[in-house]
Amino acid sequence: MRGRALEEGMTNAPSGPAASPLFLREEEIRRGIELLQFGHMALTQAMDPILEAHQLGRAHQRALYFIARRPNLSVSALITLLGVTKQSLGRVLDELIERDLLAVNKGDRDRRQRLLRLTPAGEAIEQALFDATRDRVATAYSAAGQASVTGFWRVLESLLDPETQRLVAALQISR
């Protein structure tokens, strides 16, 4: 059901050799979880001043990001991507529309469908939010090297269930 909202696509990262048993010990797993938590915190903290300046929250940022990735994304597809309820997303979308950061159009085939697209003002805010994290991620990628980046992506993709992997792959297809 989740995959239908964004159509097809499956991430088929080549599988590498299995991890050494040393990396499967509790301490190593905890270390990885800690690094994920702190890495996420570093990225969100980089965006927080921009969100605060525009009186937006992290839920707004997530919506802006995925709508920027897939212009004309349907509301139902966005609900699926974000894993939120229609009611909670409705509040976020209503505020973005009210502030002229988001435009809503009817679907070509199904007029009941609501397709989401950022306005120029919404695009500017989303770009500023992306810019706030791009340099930090690019610096980390450069320091780690291509093989490590590929391995990092593989680990993150492997954390996802198959349906979510399809959703992520569909984001790549749409660009």
N, C-alpha and C. Protein backbone atom coordinates (compact mmCIF):
# COMPACT_ATOMS: atom_id res chain seq x y z
N MET A 1 0.82 -1.20 0.00
CA MET A 1 0.00 0.00 0.00
C MET A 1 0.86 1.26 0.00
N ARG A 2 1.89 1.31 0.86
CA ARG A 2 2.74 2.49 0.91
C ARG A 2 3.41 2.74 -0.43
N GLY A 3 3.87 1.69 -1.10
CA GLY A 3 4.58 1.83 -2.35
C GLY A 3 3.74 2.38 -3.47
N ARG A 4 2.44 2.11 -3.45
CA ARG A 4 1.56 2.59 -4.52
C ARG A 4 1.50 4.10 -4.57
N ALA A 5 1.60 4.75 -3.43
CA ALA A 5 1.49 6.21 -3.38
C ALA A 5 2.59 6.87 -4.19
N LEU A 6 3.73 6.24 -4.31
CA LEU A 6 4.83 6.82 -5.06
C LEU A 6 5.26 5.97 -6.24
N GLU A 7 4.42 5.05 -6.62
CA GLU A 7 4.65 4.15 -7.73
C GLU A 7 5.74 3.14 -7.45
N GLU A 8 6.68 3.01 -8.39
CA GLU A 8 7.60 1.91 -8.38
C GLU A 8 8.96 2.27 -7.81
N GLY A 9 9.91 1.42 -8.09
CA GLY A 9 11.29 1.68 -7.72
C GLY A 9 11.70 0.89 -6.51
N MET A 10 12.87 0.32 -6.57
CA MET A 10 13.41 -0.42 -5.43
C MET A 10 14.89 -0.16 -5.39
N THR A 11 15.38 0.12 -4.23
CA THR A 11 16.80 0.31 -4.06
C THR A 11 17.48 -1.04 -4.14
N ASN A 12 18.40 -1.18 -5.05
CA ASN A 12 19.12 -2.43 -5.19
C ASN A 12 20.60 -2.18 -5.00
N ALA A 13 20.97 -1.72 -3.82
CA ALA A 13 22.38 -1.50 -3.53
C ALA A 13 23.08 -2.85 -3.56
N PRO A 14 24.24 -2.91 -4.20
CA PRO A 14 24.94 -4.18 -4.22
C PRO A 14 25.28 -4.59 -2.80
N SER A 15 25.07 -5.84 -2.51
CA SER A 15 25.37 -6.28 -1.16
C SER A 15 26.85 -6.61 -1.07
N GLY A 16 27.45 -6.18 0.02
CA GLY A 16 28.86 -6.44 0.25
C GLY A 16 29.01 -7.62 1.19
N PRO A 17 30.23 -7.86 1.58
CA PRO A 17 30.45 -8.96 2.52
C PRO A 17 29.76 -8.67 3.84
N ALA A 18 29.38 -9.71 4.52
CA ALA A 18 28.72 -9.55 5.82
C ALA A 18 29.66 -8.85 6.79
N ALA A 19 29.10 -8.13 7.74
CA ALA A 19 29.90 -7.41 8.72
C ALA A 19 30.64 -8.39 9.61
N SER A 20 31.80 -7.97 10.02
CA SER A 20 32.58 -8.76 10.97
C SER A 20 31.78 -8.90 12.26
N PRO A 21 31.89 -10.04 12.92
CA PRO A 21 31.20 -10.21 14.20
C PRO A 21 31.58 -9.13 15.21
N LEU A 22 32.75 -8.51 15.04
CA LEU A 22 33.15 -7.45 15.95
C LEU A 22 32.20 -6.26 15.88
N PHE A 23 31.62 -6.02 14.70
CA PHE A 23 30.72 -4.89 14.53
C PHE A 23 29.30 -5.22 14.95
N LEU A 24 29.06 -6.47 15.29
CA LEU A 24 27.72 -6.87 15.70
C LEU A 24 27.59 -6.98 17.22
N ARG A 25 28.64 -6.61 17.93
CA ARG A 25 28.58 -6.61 19.39
C ARG A 25 27.76 -5.41 19.86
N GLU A 26 27.22 -5.54 21.05
CA GLU A 26 26.35 -4.50 21.59
C GLU A 26 27.02 -3.13 21.61
N GLU A 27 28.27 -3.06 22.04
CA GLU A 27 28.94 -1.76 22.13
C GLU A 27 29.07 -1.08 20.76
N GLU A 28 29.37 -1.84 19.73
CA GLU A 28 29.50 -1.26 18.39
C GLU A 28 28.13 -0.82 17.86
N ILE A 29 27.11 -1.62 18.14
CA ILE A 29 25.76 -1.25 17.71
C ILE A 29 25.32 0.02 18.44
N ARG A 30 25.56 0.07 19.74
CA ARG A 30 25.22 1.29 20.49
C ARG A 30 25.98 2.50 19.96
N ARG A 31 27.24 2.32 19.62
CA ARG A 31 28.04 3.42 19.08
C ARG A 31 27.43 3.92 17.76
N GLY A 32 27.01 3.01 16.91
CA GLY A 32 26.37 3.41 15.66
C GLY A 32 25.08 4.17 15.90
N ILE A 33 24.28 3.70 16.84
CA ILE A 33 23.01 4.39 17.16
C ILE A 33 23.30 5.78 17.70
N GLU A 34 24.31 5.89 18.57
CA GLU A 34 24.68 7.20 19.10
C GLU A 34 25.11 8.15 17.99
N LEU A 35 25.94 7.65 17.08
CA LEU A 35 26.40 8.50 15.99
C LEU A 35 25.24 8.94 15.10
N LEU A 36 24.29 8.03 14.84
CA LEU A 36 23.10 8.43 14.07
C LEU A 36 22.33 9.53 14.80
N GLN A 37 22.16 9.37 16.10
CA GLN A 37 21.42 10.37 16.89
C GLN A 37 22.13 11.72 16.85
N PHE A 38 23.45 11.72 17.11
CA PHE A 38 24.19 12.98 17.13
C PHE A 38 24.31 13.59 15.73
N GLY A 39 24.45 12.75 14.71
CA GLY A 39 24.49 13.27 13.35
C GLY A 39 23.19 13.94 12.97
N HIS A 40 22.08 13.30 13.31
CA HIS A 40 20.76 13.89 13.05
C HIS A 40 20.61 15.20 13.81
N MET A 41 21.05 15.22 15.06
CA MET A 41 20.95 16.44 15.86
C MET A 41 21.78 17.57 15.23
N ALA A 42 22.98 17.25 14.74
CA ALA A 42 23.82 18.27 14.12
C ALA A 42 23.14 18.87 12.89
N LEU A 43 22.51 18.02 12.09
CA LEU A 43 21.84 18.52 10.89
C LEU A 43 20.62 19.37 11.25
N THR A 44 19.83 18.92 12.21
CA THR A 44 18.65 19.70 12.58
C THR A 44 19.05 21.01 13.24
N GLN A 45 20.11 21.00 14.03
CA GLN A 45 20.57 22.24 14.65
C GLN A 45 21.06 23.24 13.60
N ALA A 46 21.61 22.75 12.51
CA ALA A 46 22.05 23.64 11.43
C ALA A 46 20.85 24.33 10.77
N MET A 47 19.70 23.64 10.75
CA MET A 47 18.50 24.21 10.12
C MET A 47 17.66 25.05 11.08
N ASP A 48 17.79 24.81 12.37
CA ASP A 48 16.92 25.47 13.35
C ASP A 48 16.90 27.00 13.25
N PRO A 49 18.04 27.69 13.07
CA PRO A 49 17.97 29.16 12.97
C PRO A 49 17.12 29.64 11.78
N ILE A 50 17.17 28.91 10.68
CA ILE A 50 16.38 29.29 9.50
C ILE A 50 14.91 29.05 9.78
N LEU A 51 14.60 27.90 10.37
CA LEU A 51 13.21 27.61 10.72
C LEU A 51 12.68 28.65 11.69
N GLU A 52 13.49 28.99 12.68
CA GLU A 52 13.06 29.98 13.67
C GLU A 52 12.83 31.34 13.02
N ALA A 53 13.71 31.73 12.12
CA ALA A 53 13.57 33.03 11.45
C ALA A 53 12.27 33.11 10.66
N HIS A 54 11.80 31.97 10.17
CA HIS A 54 10.56 31.94 9.38
C HIS A 54 9.37 31.43 10.20
N GLN A 55 9.59 31.24 11.48
CA GLN A 55 8.56 30.74 12.39
C GLN A 55 7.95 29.43 11.88
N LEU A 56 8.85 28.53 11.52
CA LEU A 56 8.46 27.21 11.05
C LEU A 56 9.07 26.16 11.96
N GLY A 57 8.50 24.97 11.93
CA GLY A 57 9.02 23.88 12.73
C GLY A 57 9.61 22.79 11.85
N ARG A 58 10.08 21.75 12.50
CA ARG A 58 10.71 20.65 11.77
C ARG A 58 9.71 19.89 10.91
N ALA A 59 8.46 19.85 11.31
CA ALA A 59 7.44 19.21 10.46
C ALA A 59 7.29 19.98 9.15
N HIS A 60 7.37 21.31 9.22
CA HIS A 60 7.32 22.13 8.00
C HIS A 60 8.53 21.83 7.12
N GLN A 61 9.70 21.71 7.75
CA GLN A 61 10.93 21.43 6.99
C GLN A 61 10.81 20.12 6.25
N ARG A 62 10.31 19.10 6.92
CA ARG A 62 10.19 17.79 6.28
C ARG A 62 9.23 17.85 5.08
N ALA A 63 8.12 18.54 5.25
CA ALA A 63 7.16 18.68 4.14
C ALA A 63 7.80 19.45 2.98
N LEU A 64 8.44 20.57 3.29
CA LEU A 64 9.09 21.36 2.25
C LEU A 64 10.13 20.52 1.50
N TYR A 65 10.91 19.76 2.23
CA TYR A 65 11.96 18.96 1.60
C TYR A 65 11.38 17.97 0.59
N PHE A 66 10.39 17.19 1.01
CA PHE A 66 9.88 16.16 0.11
C PHE A 66 9.06 16.74 -1.03
N ILE A 67 8.39 17.85 -0.82
CA ILE A 67 7.67 18.49 -1.92
C ILE A 67 8.67 19.06 -2.92
N ALA A 68 9.79 19.59 -2.44
CA ALA A 68 10.84 20.08 -3.34
C ALA A 68 11.44 18.92 -4.14
N ARG A 69 11.58 17.77 -3.53
CA ARG A 69 12.14 16.60 -4.21
C ARG A 69 11.20 16.06 -5.28
N ARG A 70 9.90 16.21 -5.05
CA ARG A 70 8.90 15.69 -6.00
C ARG A 70 7.80 16.72 -6.22
N PRO A 71 8.06 17.74 -7.03
CA PRO A 71 6.99 18.70 -7.32
C PRO A 71 5.76 17.96 -7.85
N ASN A 72 4.61 18.44 -7.48
CA ASN A 72 3.32 17.83 -7.80
C ASN A 72 3.10 16.51 -7.07
N LEU A 73 3.72 16.39 -5.93
CA LEU A 73 3.52 15.25 -5.05
C LEU A 73 2.10 15.31 -4.51
N SER A 74 1.43 14.19 -4.49
CA SER A 74 0.06 14.18 -3.95
C SER A 74 0.10 14.21 -2.43
N VAL A 75 -0.97 14.69 -1.85
CA VAL A 75 -1.07 14.73 -0.39
C VAL A 75 -0.95 13.31 0.16
N SER A 76 -1.62 12.35 -0.48
CA SER A 76 -1.56 10.97 0.03
C SER A 76 -0.14 10.41 -0.04
N ALA A 77 0.61 10.75 -1.09
CA ALA A 77 2.00 10.29 -1.19
C ALA A 77 2.86 10.94 -0.11
N LEU A 78 2.61 12.20 0.19
CA LEU A 78 3.36 12.88 1.25
C LEU A 78 3.06 12.27 2.62
N ILE A 79 1.80 11.95 2.85
CA ILE A 79 1.42 11.27 4.10
C ILE A 79 2.20 9.96 4.22
N THR A 80 2.29 9.22 3.14
CA THR A 80 3.01 7.96 3.13
C THR A 80 4.50 8.18 3.40
N LEU A 81 5.10 9.13 2.71
CA LEU A 81 6.52 9.41 2.89
C LEU A 81 6.85 9.80 4.32
N LEU A 82 6.04 10.66 4.90
CA LEU A 82 6.33 11.18 6.23
C LEU A 82 5.86 10.25 7.35
N GLY A 83 4.98 9.32 7.02
CA GLY A 83 4.47 8.40 8.03
C GLY A 83 3.65 9.12 9.10
N VAL A 84 2.85 10.09 8.66
CA VAL A 84 2.02 10.87 9.59
C VAL A 84 0.55 10.70 9.23
N THR A 85 -0.30 11.21 10.10
CA THR A 85 -1.73 11.15 9.82
C THR A 85 -2.13 12.31 8.92
N LYS A 86 -3.25 12.14 8.26
CA LYS A 86 -3.79 13.19 7.40
C LYS A 86 -4.07 14.44 8.22
N GLN A 87 -4.57 14.25 9.44
CA GLN A 87 -4.90 15.38 10.30
C GLN A 87 -3.65 16.18 10.68
N SER A 88 -2.58 15.50 11.09
CA SER A 88 -1.38 16.24 11.50
C SER A 88 -0.72 16.92 10.30
N LEU A 89 -0.71 16.26 9.15
CA LEU A 89 -0.14 16.88 7.97
C LEU A 89 -1.01 18.05 7.51
N GLY A 90 -2.31 17.92 7.66
CA GLY A 90 -3.22 19.00 7.24
C GLY A 90 -2.90 20.32 7.90
N ARG A 91 -2.58 20.28 9.18
CA ARG A 91 -2.22 21.52 9.89
C ARG A 91 -0.97 22.16 9.29
N VAL A 92 0.02 21.33 9.00
CA VAL A 92 1.27 21.83 8.43
C VAL A 92 1.02 22.40 7.03
N LEU A 93 0.30 21.66 6.20
CA LEU A 93 0.03 22.13 4.84
C LEU A 93 -0.80 23.40 4.84
N ASP A 94 -1.81 23.46 5.70
CA ASP A 94 -2.64 24.66 5.77
C ASP A 94 -1.80 25.89 6.09
N GLU A 95 -0.88 25.74 7.02
CA GLU A 95 -0.03 26.88 7.38
C GLU A 95 0.89 27.27 6.23
N LEU A 96 1.45 26.29 5.53
CA LEU A 96 2.33 26.59 4.40
C LEU A 96 1.55 27.26 3.27
N ILE A 97 0.32 26.84 3.05
CA ILE A 97 -0.52 27.45 2.03
C ILE A 97 -0.87 28.88 2.43
N GLU A 98 -1.27 29.05 3.68
CA GLU A 98 -1.65 30.37 4.20
C GLU A 98 -0.49 31.36 4.08
N ARG A 99 0.71 30.87 4.24
CA ARG A 99 1.89 31.74 4.18
C ARG A 99 2.46 31.85 2.77
N ASP A 100 1.75 31.32 1.80
CA ASP A 100 2.14 31.36 0.39
C ASP A 100 3.49 30.70 0.12
N LEU A 101 3.73 29.60 0.81
CA LEU A 101 4.94 28.81 0.58
C LEU A 101 4.63 27.55 -0.23
N LEU A 102 3.34 27.26 -0.37
CA LEU A 102 2.91 26.03 -1.00
C LEU A 102 1.68 26.31 -1.86
N ALA A 103 1.69 25.74 -3.06
CA ALA A 103 0.54 25.83 -3.96
C ALA A 103 -0.07 24.44 -4.10
N VAL A 104 -1.38 24.40 -4.22
CA VAL A 104 -2.10 23.13 -4.37
C VAL A 104 -2.88 23.18 -5.67
N ASN A 105 -2.69 22.14 -6.49
CA ASN A 105 -3.43 22.03 -7.75
C ASN A 105 -4.19 20.72 -7.75
N LYS A 106 -5.23 20.67 -8.57
CA LYS A 106 -6.00 19.42 -8.73
C LYS A 106 -5.29 18.53 -9.73
N GLY A 107 -5.43 17.24 -9.54
CA GLY A 107 -4.83 16.28 -10.45
C GLY A 107 -5.46 16.36 -11.84
N ASP A 108 -4.68 16.02 -12.86
CA ASP A 108 -5.18 16.04 -14.23
C ASP A 108 -6.20 14.93 -14.47
N ARG A 109 -5.89 13.74 -13.97
CA ARG A 109 -6.78 12.60 -14.18
C ARG A 109 -7.86 12.50 -13.12
N ASP A 110 -7.47 12.78 -11.89
CA ASP A 110 -8.42 12.70 -10.77
C ASP A 110 -8.50 14.07 -10.14
N ARG A 111 -9.60 14.78 -10.37
CA ARG A 111 -9.76 16.16 -9.90
C ARG A 111 -9.84 16.24 -8.37
N ARG A 112 -10.09 15.10 -7.72
CA ARG A 112 -10.11 15.09 -6.24
C ARG A 112 -8.71 15.09 -5.67
N GLN A 113 -7.75 14.69 -6.47
CA GLN A 113 -6.36 14.62 -6.02
C GLN A 113 -5.81 16.03 -5.81
N ARG A 114 -5.06 16.20 -4.71
CA ARG A 114 -4.42 17.49 -4.43
C ARG A 114 -2.92 17.33 -4.62
N LEU A 115 -2.39 18.07 -5.59
CA LEU A 115 -0.97 18.00 -5.92
C LEU A 115 -0.26 19.21 -5.33
N LEU A 116 0.87 18.96 -4.68
CA LEU A 116 1.59 19.99 -3.94
C LEU A 116 2.84 20.44 -4.68
N ARG A 117 3.04 21.74 -4.67
CA ARG A 117 4.21 22.34 -5.33
C ARG A 117 4.62 23.56 -4.51
N LEU A 118 5.93 23.74 -4.33
CA LEU A 118 6.40 24.91 -3.60
C LEU A 118 6.24 26.16 -4.45
N THR A 119 5.91 27.25 -3.81
CA THR A 119 5.92 28.55 -4.48
C THR A 119 7.37 29.03 -4.51
N PRO A 120 7.67 30.11 -5.23
CA PRO A 120 9.04 30.63 -5.20
C PRO A 120 9.51 30.94 -3.77
N ALA A 121 8.63 31.45 -2.93
CA ALA A 121 9.02 31.73 -1.54
C ALA A 121 9.30 30.43 -0.79
N GLY A 122 8.51 29.40 -1.04
CA GLY A 122 8.75 28.10 -0.42
C GLY A 122 10.04 27.48 -0.92
N GLU A 123 10.30 27.62 -2.21
CA GLU A 123 11.55 27.10 -2.78
C GLU A 123 12.76 27.78 -2.14
N ALA A 124 12.66 29.08 -1.91
CA ALA A 124 13.78 29.82 -1.32
C ALA A 124 14.06 29.35 0.10
N ILE A 125 13.02 29.12 0.88
CA ILE A 125 13.22 28.64 2.25
C ILE A 125 13.78 27.22 2.23
N GLU A 126 13.22 26.36 1.38
CA GLU A 126 13.72 24.98 1.31
C GLU A 126 15.17 24.98 0.88
N GLN A 127 15.55 25.81 -0.07
CA GLN A 127 16.94 25.87 -0.52
C GLN A 127 17.86 26.35 0.60
N ALA A 128 17.41 27.32 1.37
CA ALA A 128 18.21 27.81 2.51
C ALA A 128 18.40 26.70 3.54
N LEU A 129 17.36 25.92 3.78
CA LEU A 129 17.45 24.80 4.73
C LEU A 129 18.42 23.74 4.20
N PHE A 130 18.33 23.45 2.92
CA PHE A 130 19.26 22.48 2.31
C PHE A 130 20.69 23.00 2.38
N ASP A 131 20.88 24.26 2.04
CA ASP A 131 22.22 24.85 2.07
C ASP A 131 22.84 24.77 3.46
N ALA A 132 22.02 24.89 4.48
CA ALA A 132 22.51 24.84 5.86
C ALA A 132 23.11 23.48 6.21
N THR A 133 22.69 22.44 5.51
CA THR A 133 23.20 21.10 5.80
C THR A 133 24.14 20.57 4.72
N ARG A 134 24.06 21.11 3.53
CA ARG A 134 24.86 20.59 2.41
C ARG A 134 26.35 20.60 2.70
N ASP A 135 26.89 21.71 3.17
CA ASP A 135 28.33 21.79 3.39
C ASP A 135 28.79 20.80 4.45
N ARG A 136 27.99 20.66 5.49
CA ARG A 136 28.35 19.73 6.56
C ARG A 136 28.39 18.29 6.03
N VAL A 137 27.40 17.91 5.24
CA VAL A 137 27.36 16.56 4.69
C VAL A 137 28.47 16.39 3.65
N ALA A 138 28.68 17.37 2.79
CA ALA A 138 29.73 17.27 1.77
C ALA A 138 31.11 17.15 2.42
N THR A 139 31.35 17.89 3.48
CA THR A 139 32.63 17.80 4.19
C THR A 139 32.80 16.41 4.79
N ALA A 140 31.74 15.88 5.38
CA ALA A 140 31.80 14.53 5.96
C ALA A 140 32.04 13.49 4.87
N TYR A 141 31.35 13.61 3.74
CA TYR A 141 31.56 12.67 2.63
C TYR A 141 33.01 12.73 2.15
N SER A 142 33.54 13.94 1.99
CA SER A 142 34.92 14.09 1.51
C SER A 142 35.90 13.46 2.48
N ALA A 143 35.69 13.66 3.76
CA ALA A 143 36.60 13.10 4.77
C ALA A 143 36.53 11.59 4.80
N ALA A 144 35.34 11.04 4.57
CA ALA A 144 35.16 9.58 4.66
C ALA A 144 35.61 8.85 3.40
N GLY A 145 35.46 9.46 2.25
CA GLY A 145 35.81 8.80 0.99
C GLY A 145 34.62 8.06 0.39
N GLN A 146 34.72 7.82 -0.92
CA GLN A 146 33.59 7.23 -1.66
C GLN A 146 33.18 5.87 -1.14
N ALA A 147 34.12 5.01 -0.83
CA ALA A 147 33.75 3.67 -0.36
C ALA A 147 32.98 3.75 0.95
N SER A 148 33.39 4.65 1.82
CA SER A 148 32.68 4.81 3.09
C SER A 148 31.29 5.38 2.89
N VAL A 149 31.16 6.33 1.97
CA VAL A 149 29.85 6.90 1.69
C VAL A 149 28.92 5.83 1.15
N THR A 150 29.41 5.02 0.23
CA THR A 150 28.60 3.93 -0.32
C THR A 150 28.20 2.96 0.80
N GLY A 151 29.12 2.64 1.66
CA GLY A 151 28.81 1.76 2.80
C GLY A 151 27.80 2.39 3.74
N PHE A 152 27.93 3.67 3.99
CA PHE A 152 26.99 4.41 4.85
C PHE A 152 25.59 4.36 4.26
N TRP A 153 25.48 4.62 2.96
CA TRP A 153 24.18 4.55 2.30
C TRP A 153 23.60 3.15 2.42
N ARG A 154 24.45 2.14 2.22
CA ARG A 154 24.00 0.76 2.30
C ARG A 154 23.46 0.44 3.70
N VAL A 155 24.16 0.91 4.73
CA VAL A 155 23.69 0.69 6.10
C VAL A 155 22.34 1.36 6.31
N LEU A 156 22.22 2.62 5.90
CA LEU A 156 20.96 3.34 6.10
C LEU A 156 19.82 2.69 5.32
N GLU A 157 20.08 2.30 4.07
CA GLU A 157 19.04 1.64 3.28
C GLU A 157 18.63 0.32 3.91
N SER A 158 19.59 -0.38 4.49
CA SER A 158 19.29 -1.67 5.12
C SER A 158 18.47 -1.53 6.39
N LEU A 159 18.45 -0.35 6.98
CA LEU A 159 17.60 -0.11 8.14
C LEU A 159 16.12 -0.02 7.75
N LEU A 160 15.86 0.26 6.47
CA LEU A 160 14.50 0.49 6.00
C LEU A 160 13.82 -0.81 5.61
N ASP A 161 12.51 -0.86 5.82
CA ASP A 161 11.76 -2.01 5.33
C ASP A 161 11.64 -1.90 3.81
N PRO A 162 11.32 -3.01 3.12
CA PRO A 162 11.27 -2.98 1.65
C PRO A 162 10.33 -1.92 1.07
N GLU A 163 9.20 -1.67 1.69
CA GLU A 163 8.28 -0.66 1.17
C GLU A 163 8.91 0.73 1.24
N THR A 164 9.57 1.04 2.34
CA THR A 164 10.23 2.34 2.47
C THR A 164 11.40 2.44 1.51
N GLN A 165 12.10 1.34 1.28
CA GLN A 165 13.17 1.35 0.28
C GLN A 165 12.62 1.73 -1.08
N ARG A 166 11.44 1.23 -1.43
CA ARG A 166 10.81 1.58 -2.72
C ARG A 166 10.47 3.07 -2.76
N LEU A 167 9.99 3.60 -1.64
CA LEU A 167 9.66 5.03 -1.60
C LEU A 167 10.92 5.87 -1.81
N VAL A 168 12.00 5.49 -1.16
CA VAL A 168 13.26 6.21 -1.30
C VAL A 168 13.77 6.12 -2.73
N ALA A 169 13.69 4.95 -3.32
CA ALA A 169 14.15 4.77 -4.71
C ALA A 169 13.30 5.63 -5.65
N ALA A 170 12.02 5.75 -5.39
CA ALA A 170 11.15 6.55 -6.26
C ALA A 170 11.53 8.02 -6.20
N LEU A 171 12.07 8.49 -5.08
CA LEU A 171 12.53 9.88 -5.00
C LEU A 171 13.67 10.11 -5.97
N GLN A 172 14.54 9.12 -6.15
CA GLN A 172 15.67 9.24 -7.06
C GLN A 172 15.20 9.25 -8.51
N ILE A 173 14.20 8.43 -8.80
CA ILE A 173 13.67 8.32 -10.16
C ILE A 173 13.03 9.61 -10.62
N SER A 174 12.42 10.33 -9.69
CA SER A 174 11.61 11.49 -10.08
C SER A 174 12.42 12.73 -10.41
N ARG A 175 13.69 12.75 -10.09
CA ARG A 175 14.48 13.97 -10.30
C ARG A 175 14.96 14.09 -11.70
